[in-house]
Amino acid sequence: MMSILQNIKGDKGIWGVFTILAVVSFLPMYSASSFLVNVQGKGSTSGILIKHALILILGFVVLYVVHKIPYRYFSGGSTLMLPVVFILLLYTLSQGTTIGGATASRWITIPFVGVSFQTSALAGLVVMVYVARYFSRRKDEEIDFKDSFWKLWAPIGLIILTILPANFSTSALLFFSVLILSVLGGYPLKYVANILGISFIALILFIFVGRAVSSGVRVKTETWKNRLLNFNDTNPKDTYQVEKAKMAIATGGIFGLGGGKSKMKNFLPQSSSDFIYAIIVEEYGLVGGIGIIFLYSWLLFRFYVVAKNANTVFATLLVIGVGFPIIFQAIINMAVASNIMPVTGQTLPLLSSGGSSIWMTCIAIGIVLSVSATKSEVDVNLELNDENPLDVLYEAVD
C-alpha cells in the first residue's frame, strides 16, 4: 500500500478532494442505509456500507490505473470506444434492467457478477474525449460545417438519441457539455446556431414519433412534462420527494440534527442518490451544505489550474471535457434538492450511491490527473506552444 501511495502522481489538490469526498460519503450512506433496510427491506446496514466501501476501493484502483496512462492514449481510444458504447446503449434499451421503478431501461447487468451498470455514464465520458480529440486535431484548420456535421455531430447525435428515451437529463447535460467544449475548441458560433436548430427539430420529431409508436416514450414524455409543470405550479402535485427534501433542508438549521439523526431519510426513497444533499444538510446543517459546495468549488478550481497549465490543446480540452461535467452534475443535484431546478435524476458525484456513477467519476478524475502528471510531455500530434483555448476565451471577453 505504501508503494502505491508513493507512486501517486498528479495534482495533490484533486487527490485531496477525492479522498475527503470518499470518506464523507459514508456519513450520508449510513443514514440512507436505514431507509433501505427498514423501509425497503434491502439487506443490512453493515452490508450496504461494506458494498459502498468495496465500490470506493475499486474506484480508487480504477483512478490509480487510469492516472498512470499517458493522456495522449485516450485520444485514439475514444474513436475505438464510440461504436462500442453505441452498441451497448442499443442493447440497454432493448435488454436493460429497470431499477427503482424506472419506466425505461438505463442499466445492464454484468454477467456472472450480477452488478448493474449504467451505460450512459460510460458513453458520456467517451463522447467528451472524442470531442476533445476532434477539435485538437483541427486547431490550425478552418472548420467546415458539413465535415463537422458528419464526423462530429452525427455520431454524437446517435449516442444522445439512444440515451434520450431513458434519461432526458443525462442526454441534455451531455449535449450542452459538448456544445460548451465545441465553442472553447474554436467551433464558429454561426455553426452552433445551426446545431441548436437541428437539435431542436430532432427533439420535436423524437417526441411526436416516439409517442406514436412507443408506450414507453409516451410515459417518459409525460414525466418530463409533469416535472416542468409541477416546478412552475404554485399548487404542484406529485412532488412528494421534493417536498420532503425541502423539509429536510429547512430542519437542518445552522449545524444540523447530527450524523445519522435525519428524520426525512425514512420518507425519501432516493435519499441515498438523487436527494442525498438534502440529507447532508438536514444532519450537518448549513455548515455541512456549504462545506460540500466548497469541496466541489475547490475541485473546479484545481481542474481549471490543470487545464490552464496543460501543454497541448488536446490536454486542455480533455480536462475541460471530462472534468467540468462532474461539477455541472454536482450543481444540478444540489439545485434539485434545494428546489431550484426541476427533478432530473442526477446523482451527487462520489457522494451518492451507485457503482457505475462512482467508477465513471473516478475514470474522469484519473484522466485529469494523467494530464497534470504528464504536463511536461509533448503530445505526439500537437506542438508544445499551442494556443490555450482558455486564453482565447479570456481575450474574447476582454
Protein backbone atom coordinates (compact mmCIF):
# COMPACT_ATOMS: atom_id res chain seq x y z
CA MET A 1 0.00 0.00 0.00
CA MET A 2 2.84 2.39 0.84
CA SER A 3 4.44 1.74 -2.56
CA ILE A 4 1.15 2.68 -4.26
CA LEU A 5 0.87 5.92 -2.29
CA GLN A 6 4.48 6.77 -3.09
CA ASN A 7 3.76 6.36 -6.82
CA ILE A 8 0.72 8.63 -6.83
CA LYS A 9 1.24 11.47 -9.30
CA GLY A 10 -0.68 14.49 -10.46
CA ASP A 11 -2.40 17.38 -8.76
CA LYS A 12 -2.38 16.88 -4.97
CA GLY A 13 -5.40 19.14 -4.51
CA ILE A 14 -7.52 16.85 -6.69
CA TRP A 15 -6.30 13.80 -4.78
CA GLY A 16 -7.19 15.56 -1.53
CA VAL A 17 -10.75 16.45 -2.57
CA PHE A 18 -11.31 12.94 -3.90
CA THR A 19 -10.19 11.45 -0.59
CA ILE A 20 -12.34 13.80 1.50
CA LEU A 21 -15.46 13.19 -0.61
CA ALA A 22 -14.92 9.43 -0.48
CA VAL A 23 -14.61 9.46 3.32
CA VAL A 24 -17.50 11.89 3.79
CA SER A 25 -19.77 9.73 1.61
CA PHE A 26 -20.02 7.11 4.39
CA LEU A 27 -21.88 9.56 6.65
CA PRO A 28 -24.99 10.06 4.47
CA MET A 29 -24.78 6.45 3.27
CA TYR A 30 -25.07 5.35 6.90
CA SER A 31 -28.28 7.36 7.25
CA ALA A 32 -29.69 6.28 3.91
CA SER A 33 -28.99 2.64 4.66
CA SER A 34 -31.56 2.67 7.45
CA PHE A 35 -34.29 3.55 4.92
CA LEU A 36 -33.08 0.85 2.53
CA VAL A 37 -33.06 -1.73 5.33
CA ASN A 38 -36.10 -0.78 7.43
CA VAL A 39 -38.46 0.52 4.74
CA GLN A 40 -37.41 -1.24 1.55
CA GLY A 41 -36.05 -4.37 3.23
CA LYS A 42 -32.79 -4.39 1.28
CA GLY A 43 -30.10 -6.30 3.19
CA SER A 44 -28.46 -4.93 6.32
CA THR A 45 -26.85 -1.64 7.29
CA SER A 46 -23.41 -3.22 7.57
CA GLY A 47 -23.86 -4.97 4.24
CA ILE A 48 -24.74 -1.72 2.46
CA LEU A 49 -21.77 0.08 3.98
CA ILE A 50 -19.42 -2.78 3.06
CA LYS A 51 -20.73 -2.71 -0.52
CA HIS A 52 -20.18 1.05 -0.67
CA ALA A 53 -16.65 0.61 0.68
CA LEU A 54 -15.88 -2.03 -1.97
CA ILE A 55 -17.21 0.26 -4.71
CA LEU A 56 -14.95 3.09 -3.49
CA ILE A 57 -11.93 0.80 -3.19
CA LEU A 58 -12.44 -0.43 -6.74
CA GLY A 59 -12.96 3.19 -7.79
CA PHE A 60 -9.60 4.11 -6.27
CA VAL A 61 -7.94 1.23 -8.13
CA VAL A 62 -9.52 2.41 -11.39
CA LEU A 63 -8.46 6.00 -10.73
CA TYR A 64 -4.90 4.92 -9.90
CA VAL A 65 -4.55 2.81 -13.05
CA VAL A 66 -6.05 5.49 -15.32
CA HIS A 67 -3.85 8.28 -13.94
CA LYS A 68 -0.79 6.19 -14.82
CA ILE A 69 -1.79 6.06 -18.51
CA PRO A 70 -0.32 8.92 -20.63
CA TYR A 71 -3.27 11.10 -21.58
CA ARG A 72 -2.50 11.01 -25.32
CA TYR A 73 -3.62 7.38 -25.46
CA PHE A 74 -7.18 8.38 -24.61
CA SER A 75 -7.43 10.21 -27.95
CA GLY A 76 -7.27 7.11 -30.13
CA GLY A 77 -9.16 5.08 -27.54
CA SER A 78 -12.22 7.32 -27.92
CA THR A 79 -12.59 6.51 -31.62
CA LEU A 80 -12.45 2.79 -30.85
CA MET A 81 -14.91 3.06 -27.97
CA LEU A 82 -17.50 5.24 -29.71
CA PRO A 83 -19.12 2.40 -31.72
CA VAL A 84 -18.80 0.10 -28.70
CA VAL A 85 -20.80 2.40 -26.41
CA PHE A 86 -23.39 2.91 -29.15
CA ILE A 87 -23.95 -0.85 -29.33
CA LEU A 88 -24.08 -1.03 -25.52
CA LEU A 89 -26.71 1.73 -25.43
CA LEU A 90 -28.84 -0.06 -28.02
CA TYR A 91 -28.54 -3.25 -26.00
CA THR A 92 -29.50 -1.37 -22.85
CA LEU A 93 -32.66 -0.02 -24.47
CA SER A 94 -33.73 -3.49 -25.58
CA GLN A 95 -32.50 -5.68 -22.73
CA GLY A 96 -31.63 -3.34 -19.86
CA THR A 97 -32.70 -3.76 -16.27
CA THR A 98 -35.20 -1.35 -14.75
CA ILE A 99 -34.27 -0.20 -11.25
CA GLY A 100 -36.29 1.74 -8.74
CA GLY A 101 -39.44 1.72 -10.85
CA ALA A 102 -37.91 3.42 -13.89
CA THR A 103 -40.18 3.17 -16.92
CA ALA A 104 -37.29 2.81 -19.36
CA SER A 105 -34.10 0.84 -19.08
CA ARG A 106 -30.90 2.60 -18.06
CA TRP A 107 -28.85 -0.30 -16.73
CA ILE A 108 -27.50 -3.60 -17.93
CA THR A 109 -26.45 -6.39 -15.62
CA ILE A 110 -22.85 -7.54 -16.00
CA PRO A 111 -22.86 -11.34 -16.44
CA PHE A 112 -21.52 -13.61 -13.68
CA VAL A 113 -21.02 -10.78 -11.15
CA GLY A 114 -24.63 -9.53 -11.04
CA VAL A 115 -23.64 -5.84 -10.91
CA SER A 116 -25.86 -3.28 -12.68
CA PHE A 117 -24.07 -0.81 -14.93
CA GLN A 118 -25.43 2.45 -16.36
CA THR A 119 -24.11 2.57 -19.91
CA SER A 120 -24.93 6.26 -20.43
CA ALA A 121 -22.26 7.20 -17.88
CA LEU A 122 -19.57 5.46 -19.95
CA ALA A 123 -20.98 6.89 -23.18
CA GLY A 124 -20.80 10.45 -21.87
CA LEU A 125 -17.15 10.05 -20.93
CA VAL A 126 -16.20 8.58 -24.33
CA VAL A 127 -18.09 11.32 -26.20
CA MET A 128 -16.30 14.13 -24.36
CA VAL A 129 -12.88 12.62 -25.10
CA TYR A 130 -13.89 12.21 -28.74
CA VAL A 131 -14.92 15.88 -28.98
CA ALA A 132 -11.62 16.99 -27.43
CA ARG A 133 -9.78 14.86 -30.00
CA TYR A 134 -11.79 16.27 -32.92
CA PHE A 135 -11.06 19.93 -32.17
CA SER A 136 -7.44 19.42 -31.13
CA ARG A 137 -6.70 17.76 -34.49
CA ARG A 138 -8.26 20.70 -36.35
CA LYS A 139 -6.70 23.50 -34.35
CA ASP A 140 -4.97 25.00 -37.41
CA GLU A 141 -7.76 24.33 -39.91
CA GLU A 142 -10.84 26.26 -40.89
CA ILE A 143 -13.75 24.14 -39.69
CA ASP A 144 -16.27 23.20 -42.36
CA PHE A 145 -19.87 22.72 -41.20
CA LYS A 146 -20.55 19.73 -43.46
CA ASP A 147 -17.37 17.98 -42.34
CA SER A 148 -18.11 18.70 -38.66
CA PHE A 149 -21.69 17.54 -39.03
CA TRP A 150 -20.83 14.07 -40.35
CA LYS A 151 -17.63 13.49 -38.37
CA LEU A 152 -18.66 15.09 -35.08
CA TRP A 153 -22.36 15.77 -34.65
CA ALA A 154 -23.81 12.77 -36.48
CA PRO A 155 -22.09 10.12 -34.29
CA ILE A 156 -22.65 12.17 -31.13
CA GLY A 157 -26.28 12.71 -32.09
CA LEU A 158 -26.80 8.96 -32.40
CA ILE A 159 -25.30 8.46 -28.95
CA ILE A 160 -27.52 11.16 -27.40
CA LEU A 161 -30.64 9.85 -29.12
CA THR A 162 -30.06 6.39 -27.67
CA ILE A 163 -29.69 7.89 -24.17
CA LEU A 164 -32.70 10.19 -24.53
CA PRO A 165 -35.56 7.63 -24.21
CA ALA A 166 -34.36 6.50 -20.79
CA ASN A 167 -32.69 9.60 -19.39
CA PHE A 168 -33.53 13.08 -20.67
CA SER A 169 -31.42 14.93 -18.08
CA THR A 170 -28.26 12.93 -18.88
CA SER A 171 -28.70 13.42 -22.63
CA ALA A 172 -29.33 17.17 -22.13
CA LEU A 173 -26.30 17.54 -19.85
CA LEU A 174 -24.14 15.68 -22.37
CA PHE A 175 -25.40 17.79 -25.29
CA PHE A 176 -24.70 21.12 -23.59
CA SER A 177 -21.32 19.89 -22.31
CA VAL A 178 -20.38 19.02 -25.91
CA LEU A 179 -21.64 22.41 -27.07
CA ILE A 180 -19.55 24.29 -24.48
CA LEU A 181 -16.44 22.26 -25.31
CA SER A 182 -17.02 22.89 -29.02
CA VAL A 183 -17.12 26.66 -28.51
CA LEU A 184 -13.91 26.52 -26.47
CA GLY A 185 -12.42 24.33 -29.19
CA GLY A 186 -12.99 27.05 -31.78
CA TYR A 187 -16.31 25.99 -33.32
CA PRO A 188 -17.85 29.03 -35.12
CA LEU A 189 -20.87 30.48 -33.33
CA LYS A 190 -22.86 30.54 -36.59
CA TYR A 191 -22.48 26.76 -36.74
CA VAL A 192 -23.53 26.48 -33.10
CA ALA A 193 -26.81 28.17 -34.03
CA ASN A 194 -27.28 25.63 -36.82
CA ILE A 195 -26.69 22.73 -34.44
CA LEU A 196 -29.15 24.15 -31.91
CA GLY A 197 -31.80 24.46 -34.61
CA ILE A 198 -31.22 20.94 -35.93
CA SER A 199 -31.22 19.51 -32.40
CA PHE A 200 -34.49 21.24 -31.52
CA ILE A 201 -36.17 19.84 -34.63
CA ALA A 202 -34.76 16.38 -33.89
CA LEU A 203 -36.12 16.53 -30.32
CA ILE A 204 -39.59 17.53 -31.52
CA LEU A 205 -39.60 14.72 -34.09
CA PHE A 206 -38.44 12.24 -31.46
CA ILE A 207 -41.26 13.23 -29.11
CA PHE A 208 -44.03 13.08 -31.73
CA VAL A 209 -42.82 9.92 -33.48
CA GLY A 210 -41.85 8.24 -30.22
CA ARG A 211 -45.22 8.89 -28.61
CA ALA A 212 -46.94 7.45 -31.68
CA VAL A 213 -45.03 4.16 -31.75
CA SER A 214 -43.90 3.52 -28.17
CA SER A 215 -45.84 3.45 -24.91
CA GLY A 216 -42.56 3.76 -23.02
CA VAL A 217 -41.75 7.06 -24.76
CA ARG A 218 -45.28 8.31 -24.02
CA VAL A 219 -44.78 7.60 -20.33
CA LYS A 220 -41.36 9.28 -20.26
CA THR A 221 -42.51 12.41 -22.11
CA GLU A 222 -45.45 12.72 -19.72
CA THR A 223 -42.97 12.51 -16.84
CA TRP A 224 -40.85 15.29 -18.39
CA LYS A 225 -43.93 17.48 -18.88
CA ASN A 226 -45.25 16.88 -15.35
CA ARG A 227 -41.90 17.73 -13.78
CA LEU A 228 -41.75 21.05 -15.62
CA LEU A 229 -45.38 21.89 -14.88
CA ASN A 230 -45.10 20.93 -11.21
CA PHE A 231 -41.96 23.03 -10.81
CA ASN A 232 -43.76 26.15 -12.06
CA ASP A 233 -47.11 25.37 -10.40
CA THR A 234 -47.99 27.17 -7.18
CA ASN A 235 -50.02 24.12 -6.09
CA PRO A 236 -48.00 21.25 -7.53
CA LYS A 237 -48.97 17.60 -7.47
CA ASP A 238 -46.79 14.51 -7.37
CA THR A 239 -43.87 16.34 -5.73
CA TYR A 240 -43.57 14.06 -2.72
CA GLN A 241 -39.79 13.74 -2.76
CA VAL A 242 -39.20 17.43 -3.47
CA GLU A 243 -41.38 18.45 -0.53
CA LYS A 244 -39.62 16.01 1.82
CA ALA A 245 -36.24 17.27 0.61
CA LYS A 246 -37.29 20.86 1.32
CA MET A 247 -38.40 19.83 4.81
CA ALA A 248 -35.06 18.12 5.41
CA ILE A 249 -33.14 21.25 4.42
CA ALA A 250 -35.43 23.50 6.46
CA THR A 251 -35.00 21.46 9.64
CA GLY A 252 -31.22 21.30 9.31
CA GLY A 253 -30.63 24.78 10.66
CA ILE A 254 -27.07 26.03 11.06
CA PHE A 255 -25.39 22.91 12.45
CA GLY A 256 -27.92 20.17 11.65
CA LEU A 257 -29.51 17.40 13.69
CA GLY A 258 -26.33 15.33 13.86
CA GLY A 259 -24.94 12.36 11.99
CA GLY A 260 -27.48 9.56 11.48
CA LYS A 261 -30.33 11.60 13.02
CA SER A 262 -32.13 12.54 9.82
CA LYS A 263 -35.90 12.14 10.00
CA MET A 264 -36.69 12.69 6.33
CA LYS A 265 -34.47 9.77 5.30
CA ASN A 266 -37.37 7.49 6.24
CA PHE A 267 -39.62 9.26 3.70
CA LEU A 268 -37.22 9.84 0.80
CA PRO A 269 -36.95 6.77 -1.47
CA GLN A 270 -33.93 8.35 -3.23
CA SER A 271 -32.23 9.55 -0.05
CA SER A 272 -29.00 7.75 -0.96
CA SER A 273 -28.80 9.07 -4.53
CA ASP A 274 -30.83 11.93 -6.07
CA PHE A 275 -31.64 13.68 -2.77
CA ILE A 276 -28.57 12.83 -0.72
CA TYR A 277 -27.65 16.53 -0.47
CA ALA A 278 -30.90 17.21 1.42
CA ILE A 279 -29.99 14.52 3.97
CA ILE A 280 -26.50 16.03 4.36
CA VAL A 281 -27.95 19.48 5.08
CA GLU A 282 -30.52 18.05 7.49
CA GLU A 283 -27.86 16.23 9.52
CA TYR A 284 -24.98 18.71 9.23
CA GLY A 285 -26.86 21.95 8.64
CA LEU A 286 -25.90 24.98 6.62
CA VAL A 287 -22.28 24.41 7.64
CA GLY A 288 -22.24 20.94 6.13
CA GLY A 289 -24.05 22.08 2.98
CA ILE A 290 -21.61 24.92 2.40
CA GLY A 291 -18.73 22.56 3.12
CA ILE A 292 -19.84 20.27 0.29
CA ILE A 293 -20.17 23.24 -2.05
CA PHE A 294 -16.67 24.34 -1.08
CA LEU A 295 -15.22 20.90 -1.90
CA TYR A 296 -16.73 20.91 -5.39
CA SER A 297 -15.66 24.53 -5.87
CA TRP A 298 -12.10 23.62 -4.92
CA LEU A 299 -12.23 20.66 -7.32
CA LEU A 300 -13.40 23.01 -10.08
CA PHE A 301 -10.52 25.38 -9.31
CA ARG A 302 -7.97 22.55 -9.48
CA PHE A 303 -9.47 21.40 -12.81
CA TYR A 304 -9.04 24.95 -14.07
CA VAL A 305 -5.40 25.03 -12.93
CA VAL A 306 -4.64 21.73 -14.69
CA ALA A 307 -6.39 22.90 -17.89
CA LYS A 308 -4.61 26.27 -17.80
CA ASN A 309 -1.17 24.68 -17.32
CA ALA A 310 -1.64 21.92 -19.91
CA ASN A 311 0.94 21.90 -22.67
CA THR A 312 -1.32 20.91 -25.56
CA VAL A 313 -4.73 21.82 -26.93
CA PHE A 314 -5.89 18.24 -26.58
CA ALA A 315 -4.86 18.13 -22.91
CA THR A 316 -6.70 21.38 -22.15
CA LEU A 317 -9.87 20.33 -23.94
CA LEU A 318 -9.63 16.88 -22.35
CA VAL A 319 -9.59 18.30 -18.81
CA ILE A 320 -12.50 20.62 -19.59
CA GLY A 321 -14.43 17.85 -21.32
CA VAL A 322 -14.19 15.16 -18.65
CA GLY A 323 -13.65 17.29 -15.53
CA PHE A 324 -16.13 20.14 -15.73
CA PRO A 325 -19.23 17.91 -16.27
CA ILE A 326 -18.56 16.46 -12.81
CA ILE A 327 -19.08 19.94 -11.37
CA PHE A 328 -22.12 20.58 -13.57
CA GLN A 329 -23.66 17.34 -12.32
CA ALA A 330 -22.99 18.28 -8.69
CA ILE A 331 -24.59 21.72 -9.19
CA ILE A 332 -27.68 20.15 -10.78
CA ASN A 333 -28.06 17.60 -7.97
CA MET A 334 -27.81 20.24 -5.25
CA ALA A 335 -30.13 22.59 -7.15
CA VAL A 336 -32.77 19.86 -7.46
CA ALA A 337 -32.54 19.01 -3.75
CA SER A 338 -32.96 22.72 -2.96
CA ASN A 339 -35.93 23.01 -5.38
CA ILE A 340 -34.07 25.48 -7.59
CA MET A 341 -34.44 23.17 -10.60
CA PRO A 342 -36.96 20.52 -11.68
CA VAL A 343 -36.19 16.92 -10.72
CA THR A 344 -33.60 15.45 -13.08
CA GLY A 345 -32.29 12.24 -11.54
CA GLN A 346 -28.63 13.32 -11.49
CA THR A 347 -26.54 11.89 -8.64
CA LEU A 348 -24.04 13.79 -6.49
CA PRO A 349 -20.58 12.68 -7.73
CA LEU A 350 -18.68 10.43 -5.27
CA LEU A 351 -21.28 11.02 -2.54
CA SER A 352 -24.38 9.31 -3.94
CA SER A 353 -24.69 5.54 -4.05
CA GLY A 354 -24.18 3.69 -7.32
CA GLY A 355 -21.22 1.78 -8.67
CA SER A 356 -21.19 2.92 -12.31
CA SER A 357 -21.59 6.60 -11.38
CA ILE A 358 -18.70 6.46 -8.91
CA TRP A 359 -16.47 4.45 -11.25
CA MET A 360 -17.03 6.77 -14.23
CA THR A 361 -16.28 9.76 -12.00
CA CYS A 362 -13.06 8.02 -10.93
CA ILE A 363 -12.09 7.44 -14.57
CA ALA A 364 -12.74 11.10 -15.38
CA ILE A 365 -10.67 12.30 -12.43
CA GLY A 366 -7.96 9.80 -13.35
CA ILE A 367 -7.77 11.30 -16.85
CA VAL A 368 -7.40 14.80 -15.38
CA LEU A 369 -4.66 13.55 -13.06
CA SER A 370 -2.94 11.92 -16.04
CA VAL A 371 -2.80 15.32 -17.74
CA SER A 372 -1.44 17.01 -14.63
CA ALA A 373 1.11 14.21 -14.10
CA THR A 374 2.42 14.34 -17.67
CA LYS A 375 2.09 18.05 -18.40
CA SER A 376 5.77 18.23 -19.30
CA GLU A 377 5.30 15.77 -22.14
CA VAL A 378 4.57 16.89 -25.67
CA ASP A 379 1.68 15.12 -27.38
CA VAL A 380 2.90 13.27 -30.47
CA ASN A 381 0.33 15.01 -32.65
CA LEU A 382 0.50 18.52 -31.18
CA GLU A 383 3.10 21.25 -30.76
CA LEU A 384 4.27 22.40 -27.37
CA ASN A 385 3.34 26.05 -27.87
CA ASP A 386 -0.27 25.59 -28.99
CA GLU A 387 -2.58 28.41 -28.04
CA ASN A 388 -4.61 27.55 -24.96
CA PRO A 389 -8.41 27.73 -25.54
CA LEU A 390 -8.85 29.35 -22.14
CA ASP A 391 -6.58 32.20 -23.23
CA VAL A 392 -8.67 32.66 -26.38
CA LEU A 393 -11.80 32.85 -24.24
CA TYR A 394 -10.27 35.46 -21.93
CA GLU A 395 -9.16 37.59 -24.91
CA ALA A 396 -12.67 37.49 -26.37
CA VAL A 397 -14.16 38.59 -23.04
CA ASP A 398 -11.62 41.37 -22.60
